[in-house]
All heavy atoms as atom14 arrays in JSON, in Angstrom:
{
  "sequence": "ESLAGLRYTTVMRRAGQVVATGGASFTCMT",
  "atom14_mask": [
    [1, 1, 1, 1, 1, 1, 1, 1, 1, 0, 0, 0, 0, 0],
    [1, 1, 1, 1, 1, 1, 0, 0, 0, 0, 0, 0, 0, 0],
    [1, 1, 1, 1, 1, 1, 1, 1, 0, 0, 0, 0, 0, 0],
    [1, 1, 1, 1, 1, 0, 0, 0, 0, 0, 0, 0, 0, 0],
    [1, 1, 1, 1, 0, 0, 0, 0, 0, 0, 0, 0, 0, 0],
    [1, 1, 1, 1, 1, 1, 1, 1, 0, 0, 0, 0, 0, 0],
    [1, 1, 1, 1, 1, 1, 1, 1, 1, 1, 1, 0, 0, 0],
    [1, 1, 1, 1, 1, 1, 1, 1, 1, 1, 1, 1, 0, 0],
    [1, 1, 1, 1, 1, 1, 1, 0, 0, 0, 0, 0, 0, 0],
    [1, 1, 1, 1, 1, 1, 1, 0, 0, 0, 0, 0, 0, 0],
    [1, 1, 1, 1, 1, 1, 1, 0, 0, 0, 0, 0, 0, 0],
    [1, 1, 1, 1, 1, 1, 1, 1, 0, 0, 0, 0, 0, 0],
    [1, 1, 1, 1, 1, 1, 1, 1, 1, 1, 1, 0, 0, 0],
    [1, 1, 1, 1, 1, 1, 1, 1, 1, 1, 1, 0, 0, 0],
    [1, 1, 1, 1, 1, 0, 0, 0, 0, 0, 0, 0, 0, 0],
    [1, 1, 1, 1, 0, 0, 0, 0, 0, 0, 0, 0, 0, 0],
    [1, 1, 1, 1, 1, 1, 1, 1, 1, 0, 0, 0, 0, 0],
    [1, 1, 1, 1, 1, 1, 1, 0, 0, 0, 0, 0, 0, 0],
    [1, 1, 1, 1, 1, 1, 1, 0, 0, 0, 0, 0, 0, 0],
    [1, 1, 1, 1, 1, 0, 0, 0, 0, 0, 0, 0, 0, 0],
    [1, 1, 1, 1, 1, 1, 1, 0, 0, 0, 0, 0, 0, 0],
    [1, 1, 1, 1, 0, 0, 0, 0, 0, 0, 0, 0, 0, 0],
    [1, 1, 1, 1, 0, 0, 0, 0, 0, 0, 0, 0, 0, 0],
    [1, 1, 1, 1, 1, 0, 0, 0, 0, 0, 0, 0, 0, 0],
    [1, 1, 1, 1, 1, 1, 0, 0, 0, 0, 0, 0, 0, 0],
    [1, 1, 1, 1, 1, 1, 1, 1, 1, 1, 1, 0, 0, 0],
    [1, 1, 1, 1, 1, 1, 1, 0, 0, 0, 0, 0, 0, 0],
    [1, 1, 1, 1, 1, 1, 0, 0, 0, 0, 0, 0, 0, 0],
    [1, 1, 1, 1, 1, 1, 1, 1, 0, 0, 0, 0, 0, 0],
    [1, 1, 1, 1, 1, 1, 1, 0, 0, 0, 0, 0, 0, 0]
  ],
  "atom14_positions": [
    [[-60.67, 20.98, 55.54], [-59.81, 19.87, 55.93], [-60.24, 18.54, 55.34], [-59.75, 17.48, 55.74], [-59.71, 19.76, 57.46], [-59.15, 21.01, 58.12], [-58.98, 20.84, 59.62], [-59.41, 19.79, 60.15], [-58.41, 21.74, 60.25], [0.0, 0.0, 0.0], [0.0, 0.0, 0.0], [0.0, 0.0, 0.0], [0.0, 0.0, 0.0], [0.0, 0.0, 0.0]],
    [[-61.16, 18.56, 54.37], [-61.57, 17.35, 53.68], [-61.2, 17.46, 52.22], [-61.25, 18.55, 51.63], [-63.08, 17.12, 53.82], [-63.45, 16.94, 55.17], [0.0, 0.0, 0.0], [0.0, 0.0, 0.0], [0.0, 0.0, 0.0], [0.0, 0.0, 0.0], [0.0, 0.0, 0.0], [0.0, 0.0, 0.0], [0.0, 0.0, 0.0], [0.0, 0.0, 0.0]],
    [[-60.82, 16.33, 51.61], [-60.44, 16.35, 50.21], [-61.64, 16.67, 49.34], [-62.67, 16.01, 49.41], [-59.85, 14.99, 49.8], [-59.36, 14.91, 48.35], [-58.09, 15.74, 48.17], [-59.11, 13.46, 47.95], [0.0, 0.0, 0.0], [0.0, 0.0, 0.0], [0.0, 0.0, 0.0], [0.0, 0.0, 0.0], [0.0, 0.0, 0.0], [0.0, 0.0, 0.0]],
    [[-61.5, 17.7, 48.49], [-62.55, 18.06, 47.55], [-62.27, 17.51, 46.17], [-63.18, 17.3, 45.37], [-62.7, 19.57, 47.48], [0.0, 0.0, 0.0], [0.0, 0.0, 0.0], [0.0, 0.0, 0.0], [0.0, 0.0, 0.0], [0.0, 0.0, 0.0], [0.0, 0.0, 0.0], [0.0, 0.0, 0.0], [0.0, 0.0, 0.0], [0.0, 0.0, 0.0]],
    [[-60.99, 17.26, 45.87], [-60.64, 16.71, 44.57], [-59.14, 16.77, 44.36], [-58.41, 17.41, 45.14], [0.0, 0.0, 0.0], [0.0, 0.0, 0.0], [0.0, 0.0, 0.0], [0.0, 0.0, 0.0], [0.0, 0.0, 0.0], [0.0, 0.0, 0.0], [0.0, 0.0, 0.0], [0.0, 0.0, 0.0], [0.0, 0.0, 0.0], [0.0, 0.0, 0.0]],
    [[-58.68, 16.07, 43.33], [-57.25, 16.12, 43.03], [-57.01, 15.7, 41.59], [-57.85, 15.08, 40.94], [-56.44, 15.26, 43.98], [-56.65, 13.74, 44.06], [-55.94, 13.0, 42.94], [-56.15, 13.21, 45.4], [0.0, 0.0, 0.0], [0.0, 0.0, 0.0], [0.0, 0.0, 0.0], [0.0, 0.0, 0.0], [0.0, 0.0, 0.0], [0.0, 0.0, 0.0]],
    [[-55.84, 16.08, 41.1], [-55.33, 15.64, 39.81], [-54.06, 14.84, 40.09], [-53.27, 15.2, 40.97], [-55.02, 16.84, 38.91], [-54.32, 16.45, 37.59], [-54.15, 17.66, 36.68], [-55.44, 18.18, 36.26], [-56.16, 17.65, 35.27], [-55.72, 16.6, 34.61], [-57.31, 18.19, 34.94], [0.0, 0.0, 0.0], [0.0, 0.0, 0.0], [0.0, 0.0, 0.0]],
    [[-53.87, 13.77, 39.35], [-52.68, 12.96, 39.56], [-52.15, 12.44, 38.24], [-52.9, 12.3, 37.26], [-52.96, 11.8, 40.51], [-54.07, 10.86, 40.07], [-53.79, 9.63, 39.47], [-55.42, 11.19, 40.25], [-54.8, 8.77, 39.07], [-56.43, 10.33, 39.86], [-56.12, 9.12, 39.27], [-57.12, 8.26, 38.87], [0.0, 0.0, 0.0], [0.0, 0.0, 0.0]],
    [[-50.85, 12.2, 38.19], [-50.21, 11.64, 37.01], [-49.52, 10.34, 37.39], [-49.14, 10.15, 38.56], [-49.19, 12.61, 36.4], [-48.19, 12.92, 37.38], [-49.87, 13.9, 35.95], [0.0, 0.0, 0.0], [0.0, 0.0, 0.0], [0.0, 0.0, 0.0], [0.0, 0.0, 0.0], [0.0, 0.0, 0.0], [0.0, 0.0, 0.0], [0.0, 0.0, 0.0]],
    [[-49.36, 9.46, 36.42], [-48.78, 8.15, 36.71], [-47.78, 7.74, 35.63], [-47.9, 8.14, 34.47], [-49.86, 7.05, 36.77], [-50.45, 6.9, 35.47], [-50.95, 7.4, 37.77], [0.0, 0.0, 0.0], [0.0, 0.0, 0.0], [0.0, 0.0, 0.0], [0.0, 0.0, 0.0], [0.0, 0.0, 0.0], [0.0, 0.0, 0.0], [0.0, 0.0, 0.0]],
    [[-46.81, 6.95, 36.06], [-45.91, 6.25, 35.15], [-45.95, 4.78, 35.56], [-45.59, 4.44, 36.69], [-44.47, 6.79, 35.21], [-43.57, 5.98, 34.27], [-44.43, 8.27, 34.85], [0.0, 0.0, 0.0], [0.0, 0.0, 0.0], [0.0, 0.0, 0.0], [0.0, 0.0, 0.0], [0.0, 0.0, 0.0], [0.0, 0.0, 0.0], [0.0, 0.0, 0.0]],
    [[-46.41, 3.92, 34.65], [-46.53, 2.49, 34.94], [-45.35, 1.76, 34.32], [-45.07, 1.91, 33.13], [-47.83, 1.93, 34.37], [-49.09, 2.65, 34.87], [-50.62, 1.88, 34.22], [-51.84, 3.09, 34.8], [0.0, 0.0, 0.0], [0.0, 0.0, 0.0], [0.0, 0.0, 0.0], [0.0, 0.0, 0.0], [0.0, 0.0, 0.0], [0.0, 0.0, 0.0]],
    [[-44.67, 0.95, 35.14], [-43.51, 0.19, 34.66], [-43.73, -1.3, 34.89], [-44.33, -1.71, 35.88], [-42.24, 0.64, 35.38], [-41.79, 2.05, 35.02], [-40.48, 2.4, 35.7], [-39.97, 3.69, 35.25], [-40.33, 4.87, 35.77], [-41.21, 4.9, 36.77], [-39.82, 5.99, 35.3], [0.0, 0.0, 0.0], [0.0, 0.0, 0.0], [0.0, 0.0, 0.0]],
    [[-43.2, -2.06, 33.96], [-43.23, -3.52, 34.02], [-41.81, -4.02, 33.81], [-41.22, -3.78, 32.77], [-44.16, -4.07, 32.95], [-44.25, -5.58, 32.85], [-45.09, -5.94, 31.64], [-45.29, -7.36, 31.51], [-45.83, -7.93, 30.43], [-46.23, -7.19, 29.4], [-45.98, -9.25, 30.37], [0.0, 0.0, 0.0], [0.0, 0.0, 0.0], [0.0, 0.0, 0.0]],
    [[-41.26, -4.66, 34.82], [-39.86, -5.1, 34.78], [-38.93, -3.94, 34.41], [-37.96, -4.11, 33.65], [-39.7, -6.25, 33.78], [0.0, 0.0, 0.0], [0.0, 0.0, 0.0], [0.0, 0.0, 0.0], [0.0, 0.0, 0.0], [0.0, 0.0, 0.0], [0.0, 0.0, 0.0], [0.0, 0.0, 0.0], [0.0, 0.0, 0.0], [0.0, 0.0, 0.0]],
    [[-39.22, -2.78, 34.95], [-38.38, -1.61, 34.73], [-38.67, -0.83, 33.47], [-38.15, 0.28, 33.3], [0.0, 0.0, 0.0], [0.0, 0.0, 0.0], [0.0, 0.0, 0.0], [0.0, 0.0, 0.0], [0.0, 0.0, 0.0], [0.0, 0.0, 0.0], [0.0, 0.0, 0.0], [0.0, 0.0, 0.0], [0.0, 0.0, 0.0], [0.0, 0.0, 0.0]],
    [[-39.48, -1.37, 32.57], [-39.79, -0.71, 31.31], [-41.12, 0.05, 31.42], [-42.09, -0.47, 31.97], [-39.88, -1.73, 30.18], [-38.63, -2.54, 29.96], [-37.48, -1.7, 29.42], [-37.7, -0.74, 28.69], [-36.27, -2.06, 29.79], [0.0, 0.0, 0.0], [0.0, 0.0, 0.0], [0.0, 0.0, 0.0], [0.0, 0.0, 0.0], [0.0, 0.0, 0.0]],
    [[-41.15, 1.27, 30.88], [-42.39, 2.04, 30.92], [-43.43, 1.4, 30.01], [-43.2, 1.2, 28.81], [-42.14, 3.5, 30.49], [-43.47, 4.27, 30.42], [-41.19, 4.19, 31.47], [0.0, 0.0, 0.0], [0.0, 0.0, 0.0], [0.0, 0.0, 0.0], [0.0, 0.0, 0.0], [0.0, 0.0, 0.0], [0.0, 0.0, 0.0], [0.0, 0.0, 0.0]],
    [[-44.57, 1.06, 30.6], [-45.68, 0.44, 29.88], [-46.69, 1.51, 29.46], [-47.25, 1.45, 28.36], [-46.38, -0.62, 30.76], [-47.63, -1.16, 30.1], [-45.42, -1.75, 31.07], [0.0, 0.0, 0.0], [0.0, 0.0, 0.0], [0.0, 0.0, 0.0], [0.0, 0.0, 0.0], [0.0, 0.0, 0.0], [0.0, 0.0, 0.0], [0.0, 0.0, 0.0]],
    [[-46.96, 2.45, 30.36], [-47.98, 3.46, 30.09], [-47.73, 4.67, 30.95], [-47.14, 4.59, 32.04], [-49.38, 2.9, 30.35], [0.0, 0.0, 0.0], [0.0, 0.0, 0.0], [0.0, 0.0, 0.0], [0.0, 0.0, 0.0], [0.0, 0.0, 0.0], [0.0, 0.0, 0.0], [0.0, 0.0, 0.0], [0.0, 0.0, 0.0], [0.0, 0.0, 0.0]],
    [[-48.19, 5.82, 30.47], [-48.2, 7.05, 31.25], [-49.6, 7.64, 31.14], [-50.31, 7.4, 30.17], [-47.16, 8.06, 30.73], [-47.44, 8.34, 29.35], [-45.75, 7.5, 30.86], [0.0, 0.0, 0.0], [0.0, 0.0, 0.0], [0.0, 0.0, 0.0], [0.0, 0.0, 0.0], [0.0, 0.0, 0.0], [0.0, 0.0, 0.0], [0.0, 0.0, 0.0]],
    [[-49.98, 8.4, 32.14], [-51.31, 9.0, 32.08], [-51.64, 9.8, 33.31], [-50.82, 9.93, 34.23], [0.0, 0.0, 0.0], [0.0, 0.0, 0.0], [0.0, 0.0, 0.0], [0.0, 0.0, 0.0], [0.0, 0.0, 0.0], [0.0, 0.0, 0.0], [0.0, 0.0, 0.0], [0.0, 0.0, 0.0], [0.0, 0.0, 0.0], [0.0, 0.0, 0.0]],
    [[-52.84, 10.31, 33.32], [-53.29, 11.11, 34.45], [-54.8, 11.24, 34.44], [-55.47, 10.89, 33.47], [0.0, 0.0, 0.0], [0.0, 0.0, 0.0], [0.0, 0.0, 0.0], [0.0, 0.0, 0.0], [0.0, 0.0, 0.0], [0.0, 0.0, 0.0], [0.0, 0.0, 0.0], [0.0, 0.0, 0.0], [0.0, 0.0, 0.0], [0.0, 0.0, 0.0]],
    [[-55.31, 11.77, 35.53], [-56.75, 11.94, 35.66], [-57.03, 12.97, 36.73], [-56.15, 13.32, 37.54], [-57.43, 10.62, 36.01], [0.0, 0.0, 0.0], [0.0, 0.0, 0.0], [0.0, 0.0, 0.0], [0.0, 0.0, 0.0], [0.0, 0.0, 0.0], [0.0, 0.0, 0.0], [0.0, 0.0, 0.0], [0.0, 0.0, 0.0], [0.0, 0.0, 0.0]],
    [[-58.27, 13.46, 36.77], [-58.68, 14.36, 37.84], [-60.11, 14.04, 38.21], [-60.9, 13.56, 37.38], [-58.57, 15.83, 37.43], [-59.51, 16.15, 36.43], [0.0, 0.0, 0.0], [0.0, 0.0, 0.0], [0.0, 0.0, 0.0], [0.0, 0.0, 0.0], [0.0, 0.0, 0.0], [0.0, 0.0, 0.0], [0.0, 0.0, 0.0], [0.0, 0.0, 0.0]],
    [[-60.44, 14.27, 39.48], [-61.79, 14.01, 39.95], [-62.11, 14.93, 41.11], [-61.22, 15.51, 41.75], [-61.95, 12.54, 40.39], [-61.11, 12.15, 41.58], [-61.56, 12.35, 42.89], [-59.87, 11.58, 41.41], [-60.78, 12.01, 43.98], [-59.08, 11.23, 42.5], [-59.55, 11.44, 43.79], [0.0, 0.0, 0.0], [0.0, 0.0, 0.0], [0.0, 0.0, 0.0]],
    [[-63.39, 15.06, 41.39], [-63.86, 15.69, 42.62], [-64.66, 14.66, 43.38], [-65.14, 13.68, 42.82], [-64.73, 16.92, 42.32], [-65.78, 16.56, 41.41], [-63.91, 18.04, 41.7], [0.0, 0.0, 0.0], [0.0, 0.0, 0.0], [0.0, 0.0, 0.0], [0.0, 0.0, 0.0], [0.0, 0.0, 0.0], [0.0, 0.0, 0.0], [0.0, 0.0, 0.0]],
    [[-64.78, 14.86, 44.68], [-65.54, 13.92, 45.5], [-66.51, 14.71, 46.38], [-66.3, 15.89, 46.68], [-64.63, 13.05, 46.34], [-63.35, 13.91, 47.26], [0.0, 0.0, 0.0], [0.0, 0.0, 0.0], [0.0, 0.0, 0.0], [0.0, 0.0, 0.0], [0.0, 0.0, 0.0], [0.0, 0.0, 0.0], [0.0, 0.0, 0.0], [0.0, 0.0, 0.0]],
    [[-67.58, 14.03, 46.76], [-68.63, 14.69, 47.53], [-69.25, 13.7, 48.5], [-69.2, 12.49, 48.29], [-69.69, 15.26, 46.59], [-70.48, 14.22, 45.82], [-71.49, 14.92, 44.49], [-70.25, 15.16, 43.21], [0.0, 0.0, 0.0], [0.0, 0.0, 0.0], [0.0, 0.0, 0.0], [0.0, 0.0, 0.0], [0.0, 0.0, 0.0], [0.0, 0.0, 0.0]],
    [[-69.85, 14.23, 49.53], [-70.51, 13.38, 50.51], [-71.75, 12.75, 49.9], [-72.29, 13.21, 48.89], [-70.92, 14.18, 51.75], [-71.94, 15.11, 51.38], [-69.74, 14.93, 52.36], [0.0, 0.0, 0.0], [0.0, 0.0, 0.0], [0.0, 0.0, 0.0], [0.0, 0.0, 0.0], [0.0, 0.0, 0.0], [0.0, 0.0, 0.0], [0.0, 0.0, 0.0]]
  ]
}
């Protein structure tokens, strides 16, 4: 029930125009 990690993608917009796209993944630990 604790987050071990995730992958995510993004679309960045500025005034409605796509500026950048990308993604990343990480794990987390105590």
